[in-house]
Protein backbone atom coordinates (compact mmCIF):
# COMPACT_ATOMS: atom_id res chain seq x y z
CA MET A 1 72.91 134.57 73.04
CA SER A 2 70.64 133.60 76.71
CA LEU A 3 70.47 130.70 78.18
CA LEU A 4 68.15 128.77 80.16
CA PRO A 5 70.17 127.48 83.33
CA ILE A 6 68.28 123.83 84.64
CA PHE A 7 69.50 121.06 86.58
CA LEU A 8 68.35 117.91 84.31
CA LYS A 9 66.79 114.81 86.56
CA LEU A 10 69.08 112.18 84.20
CA ASP A 11 68.47 109.00 86.73
CA GLY A 12 67.60 105.62 84.40
CA ARG A 13 67.29 107.94 81.48
CA PRO A 14 68.98 106.72 78.11
CA GLY A 15 71.88 108.60 76.88
CA LEU A 16 74.61 107.93 74.53
CA LEU A 17 78.65 109.50 74.62
CA VAL A 18 80.19 108.91 71.21
CA GLY A 19 83.55 108.25 71.76
CA ALA A 20 85.88 106.95 74.93
CA GLY A 21 89.47 108.50 74.80
CA ASN A 22 90.76 111.27 76.71
CA VAL A 23 87.92 113.82 76.12
CA ALA A 24 85.40 111.21 76.57
CA LEU A 25 86.55 110.06 79.76
CA GLU A 26 86.82 113.65 81.13
CA LYS A 27 82.50 113.83 81.09
CA ILE A 28 82.26 110.24 81.92
CA ASN A 29 82.47 110.93 85.20
CA SER A 30 79.98 113.76 85.83
CA LEU A 31 77.38 111.95 83.58
CA LEU A 32 77.38 108.38 85.92
CA ILE A 33 77.56 109.81 89.16
CA THR A 34 73.75 111.06 87.60
CA GLY A 35 72.46 108.03 87.51
CA LEU A 36 72.07 107.92 83.48
CA ARG A 37 72.20 105.00 81.56
CA LEU A 38 75.05 105.44 79.62
CA ARG A 39 75.95 103.75 76.38
CA VAL A 40 79.63 104.26 74.93
CA THR A 41 80.30 103.22 71.03
CA ALA A 42 84.08 103.44 69.08
CA PRO A 43 86.16 101.15 68.40
CA GLU A 44 88.84 100.84 70.79
CA ALA A 45 88.12 102.31 74.25
CA LYS A 46 90.65 103.44 76.98
CA PRO A 47 91.29 101.27 79.82
CA GLU A 48 89.82 103.34 82.10
CA ILE A 49 86.47 103.31 80.30
CA GLN A 50 86.79 99.21 79.59
CA GLN A 51 86.91 99.03 83.71
CA LEU A 52 83.31 100.66 83.74
CA ALA A 53 81.61 98.12 81.63
CA ARG A 54 83.19 95.78 83.28
CA GLU A 55 81.66 96.96 85.93
CA ASN A 56 78.51 97.34 84.50
CA ARG A 57 78.61 100.82 84.92
CA LEU A 58 78.12 101.92 82.05
CA GLU A 59 78.06 99.57 78.28
CA TRP A 60 80.88 99.95 75.73
CA ILE A 61 79.49 99.38 71.49
CA ARG A 62 82.51 98.48 70.33
CA GLN A 63 82.14 99.61 66.79
CA ARG A 64 82.09 103.33 65.45
CA PHE A 65 79.03 105.83 65.02
CA ASP A 66 75.89 105.16 63.04
CA ALA A 67 73.26 107.64 62.77
CA ASN A 68 70.92 104.30 64.20
CA ASP A 69 72.52 104.45 67.24
CA LEU A 70 70.79 107.79 67.98
CA ASP A 71 67.15 106.45 68.47
CA GLY A 72 65.97 106.03 71.72
CA ASN A 73 68.38 108.43 73.45
CA PHE A 74 67.72 111.58 76.08
CA VAL A 75 71.05 113.14 75.54
CA VAL A 76 74.15 112.41 73.50
CA ILE A 77 77.55 113.78 73.91
CA ALA A 78 79.85 114.21 70.75
CA ALA A 79 83.37 113.26 71.60
CA THR A 80 85.54 112.12 69.54
CA ASP A 81 88.73 113.16 67.73
CA ASP A 82 87.71 113.38 64.70
CA PRO A 83 85.06 117.24 64.14
CA ASP A 84 83.54 115.22 61.01
CA VAL A 85 82.04 112.64 62.79
CA ASN A 86 81.49 115.00 66.05
CA ALA A 87 79.37 117.23 62.97
CA THR A 88 77.74 113.91 61.65
CA VAL A 89 76.50 112.96 65.38
CA TYR A 90 75.30 116.78 66.38
CA ARG A 91 73.41 116.78 63.03
CA GLU A 92 71.74 113.67 63.27
CA ALA A 93 70.38 114.20 66.72
CA VAL A 94 69.02 117.42 65.77
CA ARG A 95 67.10 116.04 62.73
CA ARG A 96 65.57 113.34 65.75
CA GLY A 97 65.05 115.91 68.82
CA ILE A 98 67.55 114.69 70.65
CA LEU A 99 69.60 117.20 73.19
CA VAL A 100 73.54 117.16 71.99
CA ASN A 101 76.73 118.52 73.44
CA SER A 102 79.78 118.58 71.04
CA VAL A 103 82.52 119.03 73.60
CA ASP A 104 84.54 122.03 72.88
CA ASP A 105 82.48 122.57 69.81
CA PRO A 106 80.05 125.33 70.79
CA PRO A 107 77.85 125.95 67.47
CA HIS A 108 77.42 122.22 67.68
CA CYS A 109 75.89 122.10 71.16
CA ASP A 110 72.13 122.33 72.21
CA PHE A 111 73.76 122.80 76.10
CA TYR A 112 77.31 122.91 77.53
CA PHE A 113 78.54 120.99 80.33
CA GLY A 114 79.66 123.82 83.58
CA SER A 115 82.21 123.52 85.54
CA VAL A 116 80.47 122.76 88.88
CA VAL A 117 81.44 123.00 92.65
CA ARG A 118 79.55 119.99 94.69
CA ARG A 119 78.74 119.97 98.39
CA GLY A 120 76.24 116.86 98.99
CA ASP A 121 72.91 117.53 97.08
CA LEU A 122 74.21 122.02 96.43
CA GLN A 123 75.40 122.21 92.86
CA ILE A 124 76.90 125.59 91.80
CA ALA A 125 76.90 125.48 88.08
CA ILE A 126 79.05 128.38 86.14
CA SER A 127 78.98 128.94 82.70
CA THR A 128 80.37 131.45 80.23
CA ALA A 129 78.09 130.20 76.78
CA GLY A 130 81.87 127.84 75.87
CA GLU A 131 83.32 131.43 75.33
CA SER A 132 86.08 130.29 77.98
CA PRO A 133 85.79 127.08 80.36
CA ALA A 134 88.86 128.31 81.52
CA VAL A 135 87.41 131.44 82.81
CA ALA A 136 84.73 128.76 84.45
CA GLN A 137 87.21 126.66 85.77
CA ARG A 138 88.32 129.16 87.77
CA LEU A 139 85.75 130.57 89.47
CA ARG A 140 84.81 126.87 90.51
CA ARG A 141 88.40 126.98 91.78
CA GLU A 142 87.80 130.48 93.60
CA ILE A 143 84.09 129.14 95.21
CA ASP A 144 85.33 125.89 96.28
CA ALA A 145 87.97 127.47 98.49
CA ARG A 146 85.65 129.36 100.30
CA LEU A 147 82.83 127.24 100.12
CA SER A 148 82.25 125.55 103.45
CA ALA A 149 82.73 121.78 103.29
CA ASP A 150 79.89 121.29 105.83
CA ILE A 151 76.94 122.63 103.93
CA GLY A 152 76.22 119.46 102.16
CA PRO A 153 75.14 117.89 105.36
CA TRP A 154 73.98 121.04 106.96
CA LEU A 155 71.25 121.61 103.89
CA LYS A 156 70.24 117.78 104.41
CA ASN A 157 69.33 118.65 107.31
CA LEU A 158 67.64 121.72 106.89
CA GLY A 159 65.43 120.00 104.11
CA ALA A 160 63.97 117.27 106.79
CA PHE A 161 63.26 120.32 109.12
CA ARG A 162 61.80 121.96 106.01
CA ARG A 163 59.22 118.98 105.49
CA GLU A 164 58.70 118.73 109.59
CA VAL A 165 57.68 122.60 109.34
CA LEU A 166 54.77 122.31 106.36
CA ALA A 167 53.52 119.48 107.80
CA THR A 168 53.29 120.50 111.18
CA ILE A 169 52.16 124.23 110.64
CA PRO A 170 50.03 125.95 108.53
CA PRO A 171 50.32 127.94 105.94
CA GLY A 172 51.10 131.76 106.39
CA GLU A 173 53.62 135.15 106.69
CA ALA A 174 54.69 133.06 110.21
CA ARG A 175 55.56 129.66 108.40
CA LYS A 176 57.43 131.50 105.53
CA ALA A 177 59.71 133.61 108.07
CA LEU A 178 60.36 130.59 110.36
CA LEU A 179 61.94 128.50 106.86
CA HIS A 180 64.05 131.91 105.87
CA GLU A 181 64.75 132.12 109.50
CA MET A 182 66.70 128.66 109.49
CA ALA A 183 67.88 129.51 106.30
CA GLU A 184 70.13 132.17 107.24
CA ARG A 185 71.87 130.01 110.88
CA PRO A 186 75.51 129.20 109.92
CA PHE A 187 76.31 125.87 109.69
CA PHE A 188 79.51 124.38 110.71
CA GLU A 189 79.65 120.49 112.08
CA SER A 190 78.74 118.14 109.24
CA ASP A 191 76.70 115.93 111.94
CA SER A 192 75.16 118.89 113.10
CA THR A 193 71.10 118.96 114.44
CA LEU A 194 68.81 122.28 113.70
CA LEU A 195 66.93 124.15 116.68
CA PHE A 196 63.79 124.06 116.02
CA PRO A 197 62.80 127.30 118.08
CA SER A 198 61.37 126.65 120.96
CA GLU A 199 57.70 129.15 120.31
CA TYR A 200 56.90 126.30 117.39
CA LEU A 201 57.65 123.58 119.82
CA THR A 202 54.24 121.56 121.29
CA PRO A 203 54.29 121.09 124.60
CA GLY A 204 56.32 118.11 126.07
CA GLN A 205 58.26 118.36 123.20
CA PRO A 206 62.43 119.41 124.03
CA GLU A 207 64.68 120.88 122.44
CA GLU A 208 67.55 119.57 120.50
CA SER A 209 71.15 120.73 121.33
CA VAL A 210 74.04 121.35 118.84
CA GLU A 211 76.90 118.13 118.74
CA GLY A 212 80.51 120.41 118.39
CA LYS A 213 83.07 118.44 116.21
CA VAL A 214 86.99 118.72 116.82
CA PHE A 215 89.00 119.17 113.13
CA LEU A 216 92.44 117.52 113.64
CA VAL A 217 93.58 120.23 110.78
CA GLY A 218 96.93 120.45 109.37
CA ALA A 219 98.82 123.39 108.21
CA GLY A 220 101.56 122.49 106.31
CA PRO A 221 105.33 123.94 106.57
CA GLY A 222 104.05 127.70 106.72
CA ASP A 223 102.61 128.78 103.10
CA PRO A 224 99.08 129.59 103.01
CA ASP A 225 99.12 128.50 98.94
CA LEU A 226 99.96 124.75 100.46
CA LEU A 227 96.83 124.82 102.79
CA THR A 228 94.33 121.84 101.51
CA LEU A 229 91.33 123.67 100.01
CA LYS A 230 89.74 121.34 103.38
CA ALA A 231 91.56 122.72 105.88
CA LEU A 232 91.23 126.66 104.20
CA ARG A 233 87.66 126.17 104.61
CA LEU A 234 87.27 125.57 107.58
CA ILE A 235 89.52 128.03 108.99
CA GLN A 236 87.41 130.58 107.52
CA SER A 237 84.30 128.79 108.38
CA THR A 238 85.43 127.13 112.11
CA GLU A 239 84.21 129.43 115.09
CA VAL A 240 87.54 128.02 117.96
CA ILE A 241 90.34 127.55 116.41
CA LEU A 242 93.52 126.28 119.15
CA HIS A 243 96.92 126.61 117.05
CA ASP A 244 100.59 125.53 117.34
CA ASP A 245 103.21 128.68 117.98
CA LEU A 246 104.50 127.34 114.14
CA VAL A 247 101.54 128.13 112.60
CA PRO A 248 102.11 131.70 111.35
CA PRO A 249 100.55 134.54 111.33
CA ALA A 250 99.69 134.61 107.65
CA ILE A 251 97.41 131.35 107.93
CA LEU A 252 95.87 132.61 110.98
CA GLU A 253 95.02 135.84 109.20
CA LEU A 254 92.58 133.69 107.12
CA ALA A 255 90.36 132.66 110.72
CA ALA A 256 86.52 133.76 109.67
CA ALA A 257 85.79 137.35 111.38
CA GLY A 258 84.42 137.08 115.31
CA ALA A 259 86.21 133.17 115.38
CA GLU A 260 88.19 132.65 118.41
CA VAL A 261 91.61 132.48 118.05
CA VAL A 262 94.00 131.22 120.87
CA ASN A 263 98.03 129.78 121.25
CA VAL A 264 98.10 126.57 122.79
CA GLY A 265 102.02 126.02 121.48
CA LYS A 266 104.48 124.47 123.30
CA ARG A 267 107.96 125.41 121.85
CA CYS A 268 111.65 125.13 122.55
CA SER A 269 110.64 123.32 126.28
CA THR A 270 108.66 126.16 127.27
CA LYS A 271 105.10 125.39 127.97
CA ASN A 272 102.40 128.08 128.55
CA ILE A 273 100.50 124.96 128.65
CA THR A 274 100.26 121.70 130.00
CA GLN A 275 98.68 118.81 126.84
CA GLU A 276 96.03 117.93 129.31
CA GLU A 277 94.48 121.52 129.63
CA ILE A 278 94.25 121.25 125.30
CA HIS A 279 92.44 118.62 125.51
CA ALA A 280 90.07 119.99 128.73
CA LEU A 281 89.83 122.85 125.87
CA MET A 282 88.61 121.33 123.27
CA ILE A 283 86.92 118.83 124.38
CA ALA A 284 84.73 122.04 126.36
CA HIS A 285 84.60 123.89 123.20
CA ALA A 286 82.97 121.03 121.66
CA SER A 287 80.79 119.91 124.19
CA ALA A 288 79.48 123.75 124.45
CA GLY A 289 78.23 123.59 120.57
CA ARG A 290 80.89 124.97 118.82
CA SER A 291 83.60 123.80 115.67
CA VAL A 292 86.80 123.60 116.60
CA VAL A 293 90.11 123.55 114.47
CA ARG A 294 92.81 122.09 116.47
CA LEU A 295 95.63 123.69 114.00
CA LYS A 296 98.94 121.85 113.93
CA SER A 297 102.07 122.90 111.49
CA GLY A 298 102.71 120.84 108.88
CA ASP A 299 100.76 116.95 108.83
CA PRO A 300 98.54 116.54 112.45
CA LEU A 301 99.58 113.02 112.35
CA ILE A 302 103.46 113.44 111.86
CA PHE A 303 105.72 114.00 114.97
CA GLY A 304 102.48 116.23 117.04
CA ARG A 305 100.42 115.05 119.69
CA ALA A 306 97.74 114.01 117.22
CA GLY A 307 97.73 110.46 118.77
CA GLU A 308 96.85 111.62 122.48
CA GLU A 309 94.22 113.98 121.05
CA MET A 310 92.33 111.63 119.32
CA LYS A 311 92.29 109.60 122.43
CA ALA A 312 90.74 112.09 124.85
CA LEU A 313 88.33 112.99 122.03
CA THR A 314 87.29 109.42 121.84
CA GLU A 315 87.31 108.84 125.07
CA ALA A 316 84.85 112.31 125.63
CA GLY A 317 82.95 111.20 123.39
CA VAL A 318 84.03 114.10 121.41
CA ALA A 319 83.54 113.80 117.43
CA PHE A 320 86.57 114.60 115.17
CA GLU A 321 87.83 114.41 111.89
CA VAL A 322 91.88 114.68 110.92
CA VAL A 323 91.98 116.85 107.75
CA PRO A 324 95.79 116.21 106.35
CA GLY A 325 98.20 118.47 105.72
CA ILE A 326 101.84 118.66 104.25
CA THR A 327 104.08 117.61 105.88
CA ALA A 328 108.15 120.10 106.25
CA ALA A 329 109.82 116.45 105.09
CA PHE A 330 107.80 116.94 101.44
CA ALA A 331 108.67 120.48 101.58
CA ALA A 332 112.17 120.64 102.17
CA ALA A 333 112.47 118.18 99.19
CA ALA A 334 110.94 120.26 97.15
CA ALA A 335 113.54 123.22 98.33
CA ILE A 336 116.46 121.36 97.81
CA PRO A 337 115.22 120.34 95.01
CA CYS A 338 115.52 116.43 95.69
CA SER A 339 113.39 113.01 95.38
CA LEU A 340 112.83 111.83 98.34
CA THR A 341 112.21 108.17 96.36
CA ASP A 342 115.38 108.44 93.75
CA ARG A 343 115.20 105.03 91.65
CA ASN A 344 118.82 105.16 91.93
CA ALA A 345 119.53 106.02 96.05
CA ALA A 346 116.75 105.35 98.04
CA SER A 347 114.28 102.56 98.18
CA SER A 348 112.51 103.28 101.26
CA VAL A 349 111.19 106.71 103.95
CA ILE A 350 111.86 105.99 107.89
CA PHE A 351 110.54 109.12 109.48
CA SER A 352 111.85 110.44 112.59
CA THR A 353 112.78 112.15 115.35
CA GLY A 354 115.03 112.83 118.18
CA HIS A 355 113.37 111.65 120.93
CA HIS A 356 110.73 109.78 122.67
CA ALA A 357 107.79 110.35 123.96
CA GLN A 358 109.07 110.15 127.68
CA SER A 359 106.07 107.93 128.57
CA HIS A 360 107.87 105.67 127.02
CA ASN A 361 111.50 105.33 128.52
CA ASP A 362 110.28 102.86 131.11
CA ALA A 363 109.50 100.63 127.90
CA PRO A 364 111.73 100.80 124.93
CA ILE A 365 111.37 99.52 121.70
CA PRO A 366 113.06 97.13 119.86
CA GLU A 367 115.55 99.13 117.08
CA ILE A 368 113.96 97.14 114.22
CA GLU A 369 109.94 97.59 115.75
CA ASP A 370 110.42 101.58 116.19
CA ALA A 371 109.31 102.96 112.95
CA THR A 372 105.92 103.45 111.19
CA ARG A 373 106.84 102.03 107.55
CA VAL A 374 105.05 102.95 105.06
CA VAL A 375 104.69 100.85 101.60
CA TYR A 376 103.58 102.97 98.94
CA MET A 377 101.70 100.71 95.86
CA PRO A 378 102.31 97.07 98.42
CA GLY A 379 100.08 94.60 95.27
CA ARG A 380 96.99 92.39 96.26
CA ASP A 381 99.00 89.48 97.49
CA LEU A 382 101.27 90.40 100.59
CA THR A 383 103.06 86.44 101.23
CA LEU A 384 106.15 87.79 100.19
CA LEU A 385 106.92 91.11 102.00
CA ALA A 386 104.88 89.07 105.24
CA LEU A 387 107.91 86.74 105.12
CA GLU A 388 110.49 88.88 104.37
CA TRP A 389 109.89 91.21 107.89
CA LEU A 390 108.79 88.36 109.84
CA GLU A 391 112.79 86.50 108.97
CA ASN A 392 114.43 90.25 110.25
CA GLY A 393 113.10 89.85 113.23
CA LEU A 394 109.67 91.94 113.19
CA PRO A 395 106.78 89.72 115.60
CA ALA A 396 103.55 88.18 113.89
CA ASP A 397 101.54 91.03 116.34
CA PHE A 398 103.00 93.72 114.90
CA PRO A 399 100.55 95.60 113.83
CA CYS A 400 99.48 96.18 110.06
CA ALA A 401 96.79 98.91 108.11
CA ILE A 402 95.90 98.56 104.21
CA VAL A 403 94.38 101.53 102.81
CA SER A 404 92.24 101.29 99.71
CA HIS A 405 91.32 104.92 98.03
CA ALA A 406 92.65 107.10 100.57
CA ALA A 407 90.82 110.75 100.93
CA GLN A 408 88.74 109.02 98.76
CA PRO A 409 84.77 108.40 98.59
CA GLY A 410 85.36 104.10 97.89
CA GLN A 411 88.14 104.38 100.95
CA GLN A 412 88.68 101.39 102.52
CA VAL A 413 90.60 100.04 105.25
CA GLN A 414 92.00 96.59 106.68
CA ARG A 415 93.23 96.07 109.15
CA THR A 416 95.32 92.95 110.88
CA THR A 417 98.77 92.08 111.76
CA LEU A 418 101.97 90.68 109.79
CA GLY A 419 101.13 87.50 110.97
CA GLU A 420 97.95 87.31 109.47
CA LEU A 421 99.08 90.33 106.46
CA GLY A 422 99.76 87.33 103.65
CA THR A 423 96.03 86.49 104.48
CA ALA A 424 94.70 89.89 103.73
CA HIS A 425 91.40 90.23 101.95
CA PRO A 426 93.31 91.98 98.46
CA THR A 427 92.11 95.66 97.99
CA GLU A 428 91.65 97.53 95.22
CA SER A 429 94.25 100.21 93.68
CA PRO A 430 95.47 102.32 94.66
CA SER A 431 96.58 100.67 98.02
CA LEU A 432 99.15 101.76 100.74
CA LEU A 433 100.61 99.53 103.70
CA ILE A 434 101.15 101.11 107.26
CA ALA A 435 102.81 99.02 109.80
CA GLY A 436 103.93 99.88 112.98
CA TRP A 437 103.19 100.05 116.55
CA GLY A 438 101.15 103.12 116.12
CA VAL A 439 99.25 102.11 114.21
CA ARG A 440 96.10 101.35 116.75
CA ASP A 441 92.51 101.01 116.38
CA MET A 442 92.64 104.18 118.85
CA ALA A 443 88.71 105.45 116.98
CA ASP A 444 86.13 103.42 117.23
CA ASN A 445 84.16 102.57 114.22
CA ARG A 446 81.52 104.82 114.58
CA LEU A 447 83.83 107.61 114.15
CA ARG A 448 85.80 106.55 110.86
CA MET A 449 82.46 105.72 109.51
CA ALA A 450 81.11 108.78 110.27
CA ALA A 451 84.05 110.47 108.38
CA GLY A 452 82.60 108.46 105.51
CA GLN A 453 85.18 106.18 105.27
CA ALA A 454 84.32 101.65 105.44
CA VAL A 455 86.11 99.38 107.57
CA ILE A 456 86.73 95.59 106.65
CA ALA A 457 86.75 93.67 109.63
């Protein structure tokens, strides 16, 4: 069977989903991002689907399927756990000339949902014509792991450039060659600008420069399989890697051919390079328009010098992004194995180190304040927690941050103090509270917004 791979424009069109269980929920996310006006019909619905209905992101019709529900729809998906109902949906939709998909039932499908890799406007869809969705998912994971994180923003810049070329250069082989040349150029920084070749510049038009960017990347505990997908993509595509001494060769071997890989480790008090020299290297490479991965063992924000590096980059006006990694504490707990938050033995986790930064020796911090407190699922009303900490002796100006939907598209960060924590704006779950003197607004809002993060004043 030969299929036509097409990409449908569904924005504003009506669509029907029959069923509101686990299978239906899996399809809803793929449908809603297209802008489809989705109606769901089912006598009962999972709580997540009910919440989407309350948010007016879809319409839930609380009833059993009726053939008349199909009228006026552009596409229909049958996703119930009753094969007879799914078959009826298919038969009635075909009779009305409506495209229909019956989930996990290839004979009753006019189209299939592909496994999709997305980078902004770029989409790579994989289909096995229903023979093996598992193979399609495997291929998606493999492509996703090898595809640069910056293609989406790069493609948007390329699209703007293409429109400018079409508007300013007459049709012909020269214009065609230019567009193909630009499509062959590398993509690294998500905020990079495309260079307009000098031979096409009009008199007096300045040539733009490419901005570099630094990525503070966690290499995890050392096993390449424990790298995040984003860390792997950056390591494989970046131009310069400045790595700690503890990052093993197995991870460094993943670097792109031709990448400059520099060991800037300072181990066991042996310092071949100073921290200030590391700052200078990052800034110099980024200022020259290169992408830089500052590769740190474990997680970059746990007991490294990330705070000083972020401060140096901010002061130099260099864009940066933090890519979290698996910290060694989690790998060690998994190796034992043990739970760090066993319900019968531990209700809190405090990360500590055997020494303080030397700059703190002349300004000791009271012991009760000498920790960053991380509270998972703190709840919407933080009044009682704030009162308890204040009664324990923590000061009212103790910095706090409430993070909602961490590392997700809807991420929000609300900064406050312990004294104002009880009146903090309620955040959506999942959320997490971080409190401590290390919670400082080191980077300005511009850099956080560049990373796709909403900031609540």
